[in-house]
């Protein structure tokens, strides 16, 4: 979630990853108004980073979904292609090292 700051006309003038004094309006990253603001004010490189952040969230969602499907015996881990098994194991090991996974908009902009 993002917290947006608006001007007197109601236009977005800033975004934050945490609530700020007098800034409590929450918006999803994938929101037309947020995307319009980014297109007008943020460089292409920053937009690519935001897309990468979104990708990280999707990757984590897929990892959790795979784990759930395995736990419920809907899919069998050993039936996954060997390369997929290796990638899953690599990601699990990385997560176990407690690498911070909280890149925020404030880190990018």
PDB file of N, CA and C in Angstrom:
ATOM      1  N   UNK A   1       0.828  -1.189   0.000  1.00  0.00           N
ATOM      2  CA  UNK A   1       0.000   0.000   0.000  1.00  0.00           C
ATOM      3  C   UNK A   1       0.867   1.244   0.000  1.00  0.00           C
ATOM      4  N   UNK A   2       0.356   2.271  -0.598  1.00  0.00           N
ATOM      5  CA  UNK A   2       1.007   3.567  -0.615  1.00  0.00           C
ATOM      6  C   UNK A   2       0.111   4.572   0.093  1.00  0.00           C
ATOM      7  N   UNK A   3       0.723   5.582   0.635  1.00  0.00           N
ATOM      8  CA  UNK A   3      -0.019   6.679   1.258  1.00  0.00           C
ATOM      9  C   UNK A   3       0.214   7.907   0.397  1.00  0.00           C
ATOM     10  N   UNK A   4      -0.879   8.519  -0.061  1.00  0.00           N
ATOM     11  CA  UNK A   4      -0.760   9.643  -0.982  1.00  0.00           C
ATOM     12  C   UNK A   4      -1.059  10.956  -0.278  1.00  0.00           C
ATOM     13  N   UNK A   5      -0.312  11.958  -0.722  1.00  0.00           N
ATOM     14  CA  UNK A   5      -0.494  13.330  -0.245  1.00  0.00           C
ATOM     15  C   UNK A   5      -1.075  14.121  -1.399  1.00  0.00           C
ATOM     16  N   UNK A   6      -2.063  14.943  -1.100  1.00  0.00           N
ATOM     17  CA  UNK A   6      -2.746  15.695  -2.157  1.00  0.00           C
ATOM     18  C   UNK A   6      -2.624  17.198  -1.927  1.00  0.00           C
ATOM     19  N   UNK A   7      -2.749  17.946  -3.032  1.00  0.00           N
ATOM     20  CA  UNK A   7      -2.782  19.403  -2.929  1.00  0.00           C
ATOM     21  C   UNK A   7      -4.222  19.859  -2.717  1.00  0.00           C
ATOM     22  N   UNK A   8      -4.433  21.155  -2.685  1.00  0.00           N
ATOM     23  CA  UNK A   8      -5.770  21.714  -2.431  1.00  0.00           C
ATOM     24  C   UNK A   8      -6.778  21.313  -3.504  1.00  0.00           C
ATOM     25  N   UNK A   9      -6.293  21.066  -4.727  1.00  0.00           N
ATOM     26  CA  UNK A   9      -7.199  20.670  -5.817  1.00  0.00           C
ATOM     27  C   UNK A   9      -7.482  19.171  -5.821  1.00  0.00           C
ATOM     28  N   UNK A  10      -6.827  18.417  -4.940  1.00  0.00           N
ATOM     29  CA  UNK A  10      -7.047  16.982  -4.857  1.00  0.00           C
ATOM     30  C   UNK A  10      -6.102  16.150  -5.700  1.00  0.00           C
ATOM     31  N   UNK A  11      -5.111  16.786  -6.306  1.00  0.00           N
ATOM     32  CA  UNK A  11      -4.139  16.051  -7.112  1.00  0.00           C
ATOM     33  C   UNK A  11      -3.045  15.479  -6.215  1.00  0.00           C
ATOM     34  N   UNK A  12      -2.546  14.309  -6.586  1.00  0.00           N
ATOM     35  CA  UNK A  12      -1.464  13.695  -5.829  1.00  0.00           C
ATOM     36  C   UNK A  12      -0.195  14.517  -6.033  1.00  0.00           C
ATOM     37  N   UNK A  13       0.466  14.848  -4.907  1.00  0.00           N
ATOM     38  CA  UNK A  13       1.714  15.596  -4.990  1.00  0.00           C
ATOM     39  C   UNK A  13       2.888  14.803  -4.405  1.00  0.00           C
ATOM     40  N   UNK A  14       2.588  13.732  -3.653  1.00  0.00           N
ATOM     41  CA  UNK A  14       3.660  12.907  -3.091  1.00  0.00           C
ATOM     42  C   UNK A  14       3.097  11.558  -2.688  1.00  0.00           C
ATOM     43  N   UNK A  15       4.002  10.559  -2.619  1.00  0.00           N
ATOM     44  CA  UNK A  15       3.636   9.222  -2.157  1.00  0.00           C
ATOM     45  C   UNK A  15       4.613   8.798  -1.078  1.00  0.00           C
ATOM     46  N   UNK A  16       4.101   8.020  -0.113  1.00  0.00           N
ATOM     47  CA  UNK A  16       4.922   7.543   0.989  1.00  0.00           C
ATOM     48  C   UNK A  16       4.606   6.075   1.248  1.00  0.00           C
ATOM     49  N   UNK A  17       5.573   5.360   1.789  1.00  0.00           N
ATOM     50  CA  UNK A  17       5.337   3.950   2.111  1.00  0.00           C
ATOM     51  C   UNK A  17       4.691   3.778   3.487  1.00  0.00           C
ATOM     52  N   UNK A  18       4.757   4.817   4.321  1.00  0.00           N
ATOM     53  CA  UNK A  18       4.165   4.775   5.660  1.00  0.00           C
ATOM     54  C   UNK A  18       3.283   5.991   5.849  1.00  0.00           C
ATOM     55  N   UNK A  19       2.288   5.907   6.739  1.00  0.00           N
ATOM     56  CA  UNK A  19       1.463   7.096   6.992  1.00  0.00           C
ATOM     57  C   UNK A  19       2.346   8.234   7.512  1.00  0.00           C
ATOM     58  N   UNK A  20       2.035   9.428   7.113  1.00  0.00           N
ATOM     59  CA  UNK A  20       2.743  10.626   7.556  1.00  0.00           C
ATOM     60  C   UNK A  20       1.740  11.519   8.281  1.00  0.00           C
ATOM     61  N   UNK A  21       2.215  12.503   9.017  1.00  0.00           N
ATOM     62  CA  UNK A  21       1.263  13.443   9.624  1.00  0.00           C
ATOM     63  C   UNK A  21       0.365  14.032   8.530  1.00  0.00           C
ATOM     64  N   UNK A  22      -0.904  13.944   8.728  1.00  0.00           N
ATOM     65  CA  UNK A  22      -1.908  14.444   7.777  1.00  0.00           C
ATOM     66  C   UNK A  22      -1.902  13.738   6.423  1.00  0.00           C
ATOM     67  N   UNK A  23      -1.245  12.582   6.329  1.00  0.00           N
ATOM     68  CA  UNK A  23      -1.248  11.798   5.090  1.00  0.00           C
ATOM     69  C   UNK A  23      -1.644  10.374   5.458  1.00  0.00           C
ATOM     70  N   UNK A  24      -2.911  10.057   5.280  1.00  0.00           N
ATOM     71  CA  UNK A  24      -3.393   8.742   5.680  1.00  0.00           C
ATOM     72  C   UNK A  24      -4.169   8.016   4.579  1.00  0.00           C
ATOM     73  N   UNK A  25      -4.333   8.664   3.440  1.00  0.00           N
ATOM     74  CA  UNK A  25      -5.086   8.030   2.355  1.00  0.00           C
ATOM     75  C   UNK A  25      -4.265   6.902   1.740  1.00  0.00           C
ATOM     76  N   UNK A  26      -4.815   5.707   1.740  1.00  0.00           N
ATOM     77  CA  UNK A  26      -4.124   4.540   1.198  1.00  0.00           C
ATOM     78  C   UNK A  26      -4.552   4.289  -0.242  1.00  0.00           C
ATOM     79  N   UNK A  27      -3.586   3.885  -1.035  1.00  0.00           N
ATOM     80  CA  UNK A  27      -3.844   3.515  -2.428  1.00  0.00           C
ATOM     81  C   UNK A  27      -3.033   2.270  -2.754  1.00  0.00           C
ATOM     82  N   UNK A  28      -3.559   1.447  -3.616  1.00  0.00           N
ATOM     83  CA  UNK A  28      -2.817   0.287  -4.112  1.00  0.00           C
ATOM     84  C   UNK A  28      -1.792   0.763  -5.126  1.00  0.00           C
ATOM     85  N   UNK A  29      -0.701   0.015  -5.248  1.00  0.00           N
ATOM     86  CA  UNK A  29       0.342   0.381  -6.217  1.00  0.00           C
ATOM     87  C   UNK A  29      -0.227   0.368  -7.625  1.00  0.00           C
ATOM     88  N   UNK A  30      -1.068  -0.608  -7.917  1.00  0.00           N
ATOM     89  CA  UNK A  30      -1.671  -0.701  -9.244  1.00  0.00           C
ATOM     90  C   UNK A  30      -3.017   0.015  -9.200  1.00  0.00           C
ATOM     91  N   UNK A  31      -2.957   1.312  -9.339  1.00  0.00           N
ATOM     92  CA  UNK A  31      -4.132   2.181  -9.290  1.00  0.00           C
ATOM     93  C   UNK A  31      -3.945   3.210 -10.402  1.00  0.00           C
ATOM     94  N   UNK A  32      -4.991   3.479 -11.164  1.00  0.00           N
ATOM     95  CA  UNK A  32      -4.865   4.396 -12.305  1.00  0.00           C
ATOM     96  C   UNK A  32      -4.317   5.755 -11.888  1.00  0.00           C
ATOM     97  N   UNK A  33      -4.790   6.264 -10.779  1.00  0.00           N
ATOM     98  CA  UNK A  33      -4.340   7.578 -10.322  1.00  0.00           C
ATOM     99  C   UNK A  33      -2.847   7.557  -9.958  1.00  0.00           C
ATOM    100  N   UNK A  34      -2.410   6.477  -9.310  1.00  0.00           N
ATOM    101  CA  UNK A  34      -0.988   6.336  -8.967  1.00  0.00           C
ATOM    102  C   UNK A  34      -0.161   6.223 -10.240  1.00  0.00           C
ATOM    103  N   UNK A  35      -0.609   5.413 -11.177  1.00  0.00           N
ATOM    104  CA  UNK A  35       0.133   5.245 -12.434  1.00  0.00           C
ATOM    105  C   UNK A  35       0.213   6.555 -13.216  1.00  0.00           C
ATOM    106  N   UNK A  36      -0.868   7.336 -13.236  1.00  0.00           N
ATOM    107  CA  UNK A  36      -0.849   8.644 -13.903  1.00  0.00           C
ATOM    108  C   UNK A  36       0.175   9.559 -13.243  1.00  0.00           C
ATOM    109  N   UNK A  37       0.172   9.595 -11.917  1.00  0.00           N
ATOM    110  CA  UNK A  37       1.130  10.423 -11.176  1.00  0.00           C
ATOM    111  C   UNK A  37       2.560  10.007 -11.517  1.00  0.00           C
ATOM    112  N   UNK A  38       2.825   8.708 -11.512  1.00  0.00           N
ATOM    113  CA  UNK A  38       4.170   8.221 -11.811  1.00  0.00           C
ATOM    114  C   UNK A  38       4.582   8.565 -13.234  1.00  0.00           C
ATOM    115  N   UNK A  39       3.665   8.444 -14.177  1.00  0.00           N
ATOM    116  CA  UNK A  39       3.984   8.767 -15.568  1.00  0.00           C
ATOM    117  C   UNK A  39       4.354  10.235 -15.738  1.00  0.00           C
ATOM    118  N   UNK A  40       3.756  11.107 -14.922  1.00  0.00           N
ATOM    119  CA  UNK A  40       4.016  12.537 -15.036  1.00  0.00           C
ATOM    120  C   UNK A  40       5.260  12.970 -14.271  1.00  0.00           C
ATOM    121  N   UNK A  41       5.579  12.292 -13.167  1.00  0.00           N
ATOM    122  CA  UNK A  41       6.597  12.832 -12.267  1.00  0.00           C
ATOM    123  C   UNK A  41       7.829  11.961 -12.049  1.00  0.00           C
ATOM    124  N   UNK A  42       7.776  10.711 -12.418  1.00  0.00           N
ATOM    125  CA  UNK A  42       8.853   9.790 -12.065  1.00  0.00           C
ATOM    126  C   UNK A  42       9.562   9.313 -13.324  1.00  0.00           C
ATOM    127  N   UNK A  43      10.851   9.126 -13.213  1.00  0.00           N
ATOM    128  CA  UNK A  43      11.642   8.680 -14.356  1.00  0.00           C
ATOM    129  C   UNK A  43      11.276   7.254 -14.749  1.00  0.00           C
ATOM    130  N   UNK A  44      11.646   6.893 -15.952  1.00  0.00           N
ATOM    131  CA  UNK A  44      11.379   5.534 -16.447  1.00  0.00           C
ATOM    132  C   UNK A  44      12.081   4.506 -15.582  1.00  0.00           C
ATOM    133  N   UNK A  45      13.290   4.826 -15.093  1.00  0.00           N
ATOM    134  CA  UNK A  45      14.020   3.894 -14.235  1.00  0.00           C
ATOM    135  C   UNK A  45      13.265   3.627 -12.935  1.00  0.00           C
ATOM    136  N   UNK A  46      12.683   4.651 -12.360  1.00  0.00           N
ATOM    137  CA  UNK A  46      11.917   4.467 -11.127  1.00  0.00           C
ATOM    138  C   UNK A  46      10.665   3.640 -11.380  1.00  0.00           C
ATOM    139  N   UNK A  47      10.035   3.851 -12.535  1.00  0.00           N
ATOM    140  CA  UNK A  47       8.856   3.040 -12.869  1.00  0.00           C
ATOM    141  C   UNK A  47       9.256   1.580 -13.036  1.00  0.00           C
ATOM    142  N   UNK A  48      10.436   1.341 -13.615  1.00  0.00           N
ATOM    143  CA  UNK A  48      10.916  -0.034 -13.751  1.00  0.00           C
ATOM    144  C   UNK A  48      11.139  -0.655 -12.377  1.00  0.00           C
ATOM    145  N   UNK A  49      11.656   0.122 -11.442  1.00  0.00           N
ATOM    146  CA  UNK A  49      11.853  -0.384 -10.089  1.00  0.00           C
ATOM    147  C   UNK A  49      10.518  -0.702  -9.422  1.00  0.00           C
ATOM    148  N   UNK A  50       9.519   0.145  -9.642  1.00  0.00           N
ATOM    149  CA  UNK A  50       8.194  -0.148  -9.083  1.00  0.00           C
ATOM    150  C   UNK A  50       7.629  -1.422  -9.685  1.00  0.00           C
ATOM    151  N   UNK A  51       7.842  -1.615 -10.962  1.00  0.00           N
ATOM    152  CA  UNK A  51       7.390  -2.849 -11.601  1.00  0.00           C
ATOM    153  C   UNK A  51       8.122  -4.043 -10.999  1.00  0.00           C
ATOM    154  N   UNK A  52       9.404  -3.887 -10.747  1.00  0.00           N
ATOM    155  CA  UNK A  52      10.184  -4.961 -10.121  1.00  0.00           C
ATOM    156  C   UNK A  52       9.655  -5.254  -8.725  1.00  0.00           C
ATOM    157  N   UNK A  53       9.268  -4.208  -7.996  1.00  0.00           N
ATOM    158  CA  UNK A  53       8.673  -4.419  -6.667  1.00  0.00           C
ATOM    159  C   UNK A  53       7.393  -5.232  -6.781  1.00  0.00           C
ATOM    160  N   UNK A  54       6.585  -4.884  -7.761  1.00  0.00           N
ATOM    161  CA  UNK A  54       5.349  -5.626  -7.979  1.00  0.00           C
ATOM    162  C   UNK A  54       5.673  -7.072  -8.339  1.00  0.00           C
ATOM    163  N   UNK A  55       6.692  -7.272  -9.162  1.00  0.00           N
ATOM    164  CA  UNK A  55       7.113  -8.624  -9.530  1.00  0.00           C
ATOM    165  C   UNK A  55       7.529  -9.411  -8.291  1.00  0.00           C
ATOM    166  N   UNK A  56       8.244  -8.750  -7.371  1.00  0.00           N
ATOM    167  CA  UNK A  56       8.670  -9.441  -6.151  1.00  0.00           C
ATOM    168  C   UNK A  56       7.463  -9.917  -5.350  1.00  0.00           C
ATOM    169  N   UNK A  57       6.433  -9.096  -5.300  1.00  0.00           N
ATOM    170  CA  UNK A  57       5.226  -9.498  -4.590  1.00  0.00           C
ATOM    171  C   UNK A  57       4.551 -10.685  -5.248  1.00  0.00           C
ATOM    172  N   UNK A  58       4.512 -10.677  -6.573  1.00  0.00           N
ATOM    173  CA  UNK A  58       3.916 -11.789  -7.308  1.00  0.00           C
ATOM    174  C   UNK A  58       4.743 -13.052  -7.116  1.00  0.00           C
ATOM    175  N   UNK A  59       6.064 -12.908  -7.136  1.00  0.00           N
ATOM    176  CA  UNK A  59       6.932 -14.073  -6.934  1.00  0.00           C
ATOM    177  C   UNK A  59       6.674 -14.678  -5.564  1.00  0.00           C
ATOM    178  N   UNK A  60       6.585 -13.831  -4.553  1.00  0.00           N
ATOM    179  CA  UNK A  60       6.327 -14.345  -3.202  1.00  0.00           C
ATOM    180  C   UNK A  60       4.961 -15.026  -3.143  1.00  0.00           C
ATOM    181  N   UNK A  61       3.979 -14.452  -3.806  1.00  0.00           N
ATOM    182  CA  UNK A  61       2.649 -15.050  -3.863  1.00  0.00           C
ATOM    183  C   UNK A  61       2.716 -16.424  -4.516  1.00  0.00           C
ATOM    184  N   UNK A  62       3.453 -16.545  -5.608  1.00  0.00           N
ATOM    185  CA  UNK A  62       3.588 -17.836  -6.283  1.00  0.00           C
ATOM    186  C   UNK A  62       4.314 -18.855  -5.411  1.00  0.00           C
ATOM    187  N   UNK A  63       5.342 -18.403  -4.699  1.00  0.00           N
ATOM    188  CA  UNK A  63       6.045 -19.303  -3.787  1.00  0.00           C
ATOM    189  C   UNK A  63       5.091 -19.843  -2.721  1.00  0.00           C
ATOM    190  N   UNK A  64       4.314 -18.945  -2.146  1.00  0.00           N
ATOM    191  CA  UNK A  64       3.354 -19.366  -1.122  1.00  0.00           C
ATOM    192  C   UNK A  64       2.291 -20.297  -1.700  1.00  0.00           C
ATOM    193  N   UNK A  65       1.857 -20.014  -2.923  1.00  0.00           N
ATOM    194  CA  UNK A  65       0.866 -20.863  -3.585  1.00  0.00           C
ATOM    195  C   UNK A  65       1.444 -22.255  -3.841  1.00  0.00           C
ATOM    196  N   UNK A  66       2.665 -22.334  -4.316  1.00  0.00           N
ATOM    197  CA  UNK A  66       3.312 -23.632  -4.547  1.00  0.00           C
ATOM    198  C   UNK A  66       3.409 -24.411  -3.240  1.00  0.00           C
ATOM    199  N   UNK A  67       3.853 -23.723  -2.166  1.00  0.00           N
ATOM    200  CA  UNK A  67       3.944 -24.384  -0.856  1.00  0.00           C
ATOM    201  C   UNK A  67       2.583 -24.918  -0.404  1.00  0.00           C
ATOM    202  N   UNK A  68       1.547 -24.120  -0.595  1.00  0.00           N
ATOM    203  CA  UNK A  68       0.202 -24.544  -0.200  1.00  0.00           C
ATOM    204  C   UNK A  68      -0.256 -25.755  -1.006  1.00  0.00           C
ATOM    205  N   UNK A  69      -0.028 -25.724  -2.309  1.00  0.00           N
ATOM    206  CA  UNK A  69      -0.429 -26.846  -3.161  1.00  0.00           C
ATOM    207  C   UNK A  69       0.324 -28.125  -2.781  1.00  0.00           C
ATOM    208  N   UNK A  70       1.581 -27.975  -2.400  1.00  0.00           N
ATOM    209  CA  UNK A  70       2.359 -29.141  -1.964  1.00  0.00           C
ATOM    210  C   UNK A  70       1.824 -29.666  -0.632  1.00  0.00           C
ATOM    211  N   UNK A  71       1.569 -28.757   0.310  1.00  0.00           N
ATOM    212  CA  UNK A  71       1.057 -29.175   1.624  1.00  0.00           C
ATOM    213  C   UNK A  71      -0.288 -29.889   1.513  1.00  0.00           C
ATOM    214  N   UNK A  72      -1.116 -29.453   0.580  1.00  0.00           N
ATOM    215  CA  UNK A  72      -2.444 -30.056   0.405  1.00  0.00           C
ATOM    216  C   UNK A  72      -2.401 -31.274  -0.516  1.00  0.00           C
ATOM    217  N   UNK A  73      -1.193 -31.673  -0.907  1.00  0.00           N
ATOM    218  CA  UNK A  73      -0.993 -32.826  -1.793  1.00  0.00           C
ATOM    219  C   UNK A  73      -1.717 -32.683  -3.130  1.00  0.00           C
ATOM    220  N   UNK A  74      -1.816 -31.471  -3.595  1.00  0.00           N
ATOM    221  CA  UNK A  74      -2.415 -31.234  -4.910  1.00  0.00           C
ATOM    222  C   UNK A  74      -1.347 -31.397  -5.987  1.00  0.00           C
ATOM    223  N   UNK A  75      -0.138 -30.960  -5.657  1.00  0.00           N
ATOM    224  CA  UNK A  75       1.003 -31.231  -6.519  1.00  0.00           C
ATOM    225  C   UNK A  75       2.092 -31.868  -5.660  1.00  0.00           C
ATOM    226  N   UNK A  76       2.952 -32.611  -6.296  1.00  0.00           N
ATOM    227  CA  UNK A  76       4.063 -33.264  -5.604  1.00  0.00           C
ATOM    228  C   UNK A  76       5.356 -32.535  -5.979  1.00  0.00           C
ATOM    229  N   UNK A  77       6.086 -32.105  -4.976  1.00  0.00           N
ATOM    230  CA  UNK A  77       7.330 -31.350  -5.203  1.00  0.00           C
ATOM    231  C   UNK A  77       8.260 -32.085  -6.165  1.00  0.00           C
ATOM    232  N   UNK A  78       8.385 -33.382  -5.991  1.00  0.00           N
ATOM    233  CA  UNK A  78       9.323 -34.151  -6.819  1.00  0.00           C
ATOM    234  C   UNK A  78       8.859 -34.282  -8.269  1.00  0.00           C
ATOM    235  N   UNK A  79       7.608 -33.969  -8.536  1.00  0.00           N
ATOM    236  CA  UNK A  79       7.116 -34.006  -9.915  1.00  0.00           C
ATOM    237  C   UNK A  79       7.417 -32.710 -10.671  1.00  0.00           C
ATOM    238  N   UNK A  80       7.828 -31.688  -9.940  1.00  0.00           N
ATOM    239  CA  UNK A  80       8.195 -30.442 -10.604  1.00  0.00           C
ATOM    240  C   UNK A  80       9.493 -30.661 -11.374  1.00  0.00           C
ATOM    241  N   UNK A  81       9.689 -29.940 -12.464  1.00  0.00           N
ATOM    242  CA  UNK A  81      10.950 -30.074 -13.194  1.00  0.00           C
ATOM    243  C   UNK A  81      12.134 -29.785 -12.272  1.00  0.00           C
ATOM    244  N   UNK A  82      13.235 -30.430 -12.535  1.00  0.00           N
ATOM    245  CA  UNK A  82      14.423 -30.291 -11.681  1.00  0.00           C
ATOM    246  C   UNK A  82      14.842 -28.828 -11.532  1.00  0.00           C
ATOM    247  N   UNK A  83      14.800 -28.076 -12.625  1.00  0.00           N
ATOM    248  CA  UNK A  83      15.182 -26.656 -12.561  1.00  0.00           C
ATOM    249  C   UNK A  83      14.239 -25.877 -11.645  1.00  0.00           C
ATOM    250  N   UNK A  84      12.955 -26.196 -11.693  1.00  0.00           N
ATOM    251  CA  UNK A  84      11.990 -25.523 -10.818  1.00  0.00           C
ATOM    252  C   UNK A  84      12.287 -25.855  -9.357  1.00  0.00           C
ATOM    253  N   UNK A  85      12.602 -27.118  -9.081  1.00  0.00           N
ATOM    254  CA  UNK A  85      12.943 -27.514  -7.715  1.00  0.00           C
ATOM    255  C   UNK A  85      14.164 -26.748  -7.213  1.00  0.00           C
ATOM    256  N   UNK A  86      15.175 -26.613  -8.075  1.00  0.00           N
ATOM    257  CA  UNK A  86      16.393 -25.888  -7.694  1.00  0.00           C
ATOM    258  C   UNK A  86      16.081 -24.427  -7.384  1.00  0.00           C
ATOM    259  N   UNK A  87      15.278 -23.807  -8.226  1.00  0.00           N
ATOM    260  CA  UNK A  87      14.935 -22.398  -8.011  1.00  0.00           C
ATOM    261  C   UNK A  87      14.140 -22.219  -6.721  1.00  0.00           C
ATOM    262  N   UNK A  88      13.224 -23.121  -6.462  1.00  0.00           N
ATOM    263  CA  UNK A  88      12.438 -23.050  -5.228  1.00  0.00           C
ATOM    264  C   UNK A  88      13.352 -23.187  -4.015  1.00  0.00           C
ATOM    265  N   UNK A  89      14.279 -24.138  -4.075  1.00  0.00           N
ATOM    266  CA  UNK A  89      15.216 -24.325  -2.960  1.00  0.00           C
ATOM    267  C   UNK A  89      16.114 -23.102  -2.769  1.00  0.00           C
ATOM    268  N   UNK A  90      16.584 -22.519  -3.853  1.00  0.00           N
ATOM    269  CA  UNK A  90      17.420 -21.317  -3.754  1.00  0.00           C
ATOM    270  C   UNK A  90      16.665 -20.192  -3.082  1.00  0.00           C
ATOM    271  N   UNK A  91      15.416 -19.993  -3.486  1.00  0.00           N
ATOM    272  CA  UNK A  91      14.597 -18.919  -2.895  1.00  0.00           C
ATOM    273  C   UNK A  91      14.351 -19.185  -1.411  1.00  0.00           C
ATOM    274  N   UNK A  92      14.072 -20.421  -1.069  1.00  0.00           N
ATOM    275  CA  UNK A  92      13.850 -20.758   0.351  1.00  0.00           C
ATOM    276  C   UNK A  92      15.096 -20.464   1.174  1.00  0.00           C
ATOM    277  N   UNK A  93      16.254 -20.842   0.651  1.00  0.00           N
ATOM    278  CA  UNK A  93      17.509 -20.579   1.380  1.00  0.00           C
ATOM    279  C   UNK A  93      17.740 -19.083   1.542  1.00  0.00           C
ATOM    280  N   UNK A  94      17.490 -18.327   0.492  1.00  0.00           N
ATOM    281  CA  UNK A  94      17.652 -16.873   0.574  1.00  0.00           C
ATOM    282  C   UNK A  94      16.709 -16.260   1.600  1.00  0.00           C
ATOM    283  N   UNK A  95      15.465 -16.701   1.585  1.00  0.00           N
ATOM    284  CA  UNK A  95      14.490 -16.175   2.558  1.00  0.00           C
ATOM    285  C   UNK A  95      14.901 -16.511   3.974  1.00  0.00           C
ATOM    286  N   UNK A  96      15.467 -17.683   4.182  1.00  0.00           N
ATOM    287  CA  UNK A  96      15.875 -18.099   5.518  1.00  0.00           C
ATOM    288  C   UNK A  96      17.016 -17.246   6.062  1.00  0.00           C
ATOM    289  N   UNK A  97      17.776 -16.588   5.181  1.00  0.00           N
ATOM    290  CA  UNK A  97      18.863 -15.727   5.653  1.00  0.00           C
ATOM    291  C   UNK A  97      18.338 -14.373   6.118  1.00  0.00           C
ATOM    292  N   UNK A  98      17.032 -14.211   6.039  1.00  0.00           N
ATOM    293  CA  UNK A  98      16.357 -12.995   6.500  1.00  0.00           C
ATOM    294  C   UNK A  98      16.824 -11.741   5.773  1.00  0.00           C
ATOM    295  N   UNK A  99      16.985 -11.870   4.477  1.00  0.00           N
ATOM    296  CA  UNK A  99      17.303 -10.708   3.653  1.00  0.00           C
ATOM    297  C   UNK A  99      16.088  -9.791   3.670  1.00  0.00           C
ATOM    298  N   UNK A 100      16.273  -8.498   3.944  1.00  0.00           N
ATOM    299  CA  UNK A 100      15.120  -7.599   3.953  1.00  0.00           C
ATOM    300  C   UNK A 100      14.379  -7.647   2.628  1.00  0.00           C
ATOM    301  N   UNK A 101      13.074  -7.816   2.703  1.00  0.00           N
ATOM    302  CA  UNK A 101      12.263  -7.864   1.482  1.00  0.00           C
ATOM    303  C   UNK A 101      11.324  -6.677   1.437  1.00  0.00           C
ATOM    304  N   UNK A 102      11.715  -5.597   2.054  1.00  0.00           N
ATOM    305  CA  UNK A 102      10.812  -4.474   2.155  1.00  0.00           C
ATOM    306  C   UNK A 102      11.357  -3.240   1.457  1.00  0.00           C
ATOM    307  N   UNK A 103      11.644  -3.351   0.173  1.00  0.00           N
ATOM    308  CA  UNK A 103      11.929  -2.153  -0.595  1.00  0.00           C
ATOM    309  C   UNK A 103      10.651  -1.350  -0.650  1.00  0.00           C
ATOM    310  N   UNK A 104      10.761  -0.069  -0.462  1.00  0.00           N
ATOM    311  CA  UNK A 104       9.564   0.761  -0.475  1.00  0.00           C
ATOM    312  C   UNK A 104       9.675   1.837  -1.521  1.00  0.00           C
ATOM    313  N   UNK A 105       8.566   2.480  -1.783  1.00  0.00           N
ATOM    314  CA  UNK A 105       8.534   3.575  -2.748  1.00  0.00           C
ATOM    315  C   UNK A 105       9.507   4.661  -2.319  1.00  0.00           C
ATOM    316  N   UNK A 106       9.596   4.915  -1.001  1.00  0.00           N
ATOM    317  CA  UNK A 106      10.509   5.960  -0.518  1.00  0.00           C
ATOM    318  C   UNK A 106      11.962   5.609  -0.845  1.00  0.00           C
ATOM    319  N   UNK A 107      12.304   4.309  -0.927  1.00  0.00           N
ATOM    320  CA  UNK A 107      13.659   3.915  -1.288  1.00  0.00           C
ATOM    321  C   UNK A 107      13.929   4.168  -2.765  1.00  0.00           C
ATOM    322  N   UNK A 108      12.896   4.211  -3.571  1.00  0.00           N
ATOM    323  CA  UNK A 108      13.045   4.314  -5.015  1.00  0.00           C
ATOM    324  C   UNK A 108      13.001   5.761  -5.481  1.00  0.00           C
ATOM    325  N   UNK A 109      12.042   6.519  -4.950  1.00  0.00           N
ATOM    326  CA  UNK A 109      11.815   7.893  -5.450  1.00  0.00           C
ATOM    327  C   UNK A 109      12.772   8.882  -4.865  1.00  0.00           C
TER     328      UNK A 109
END
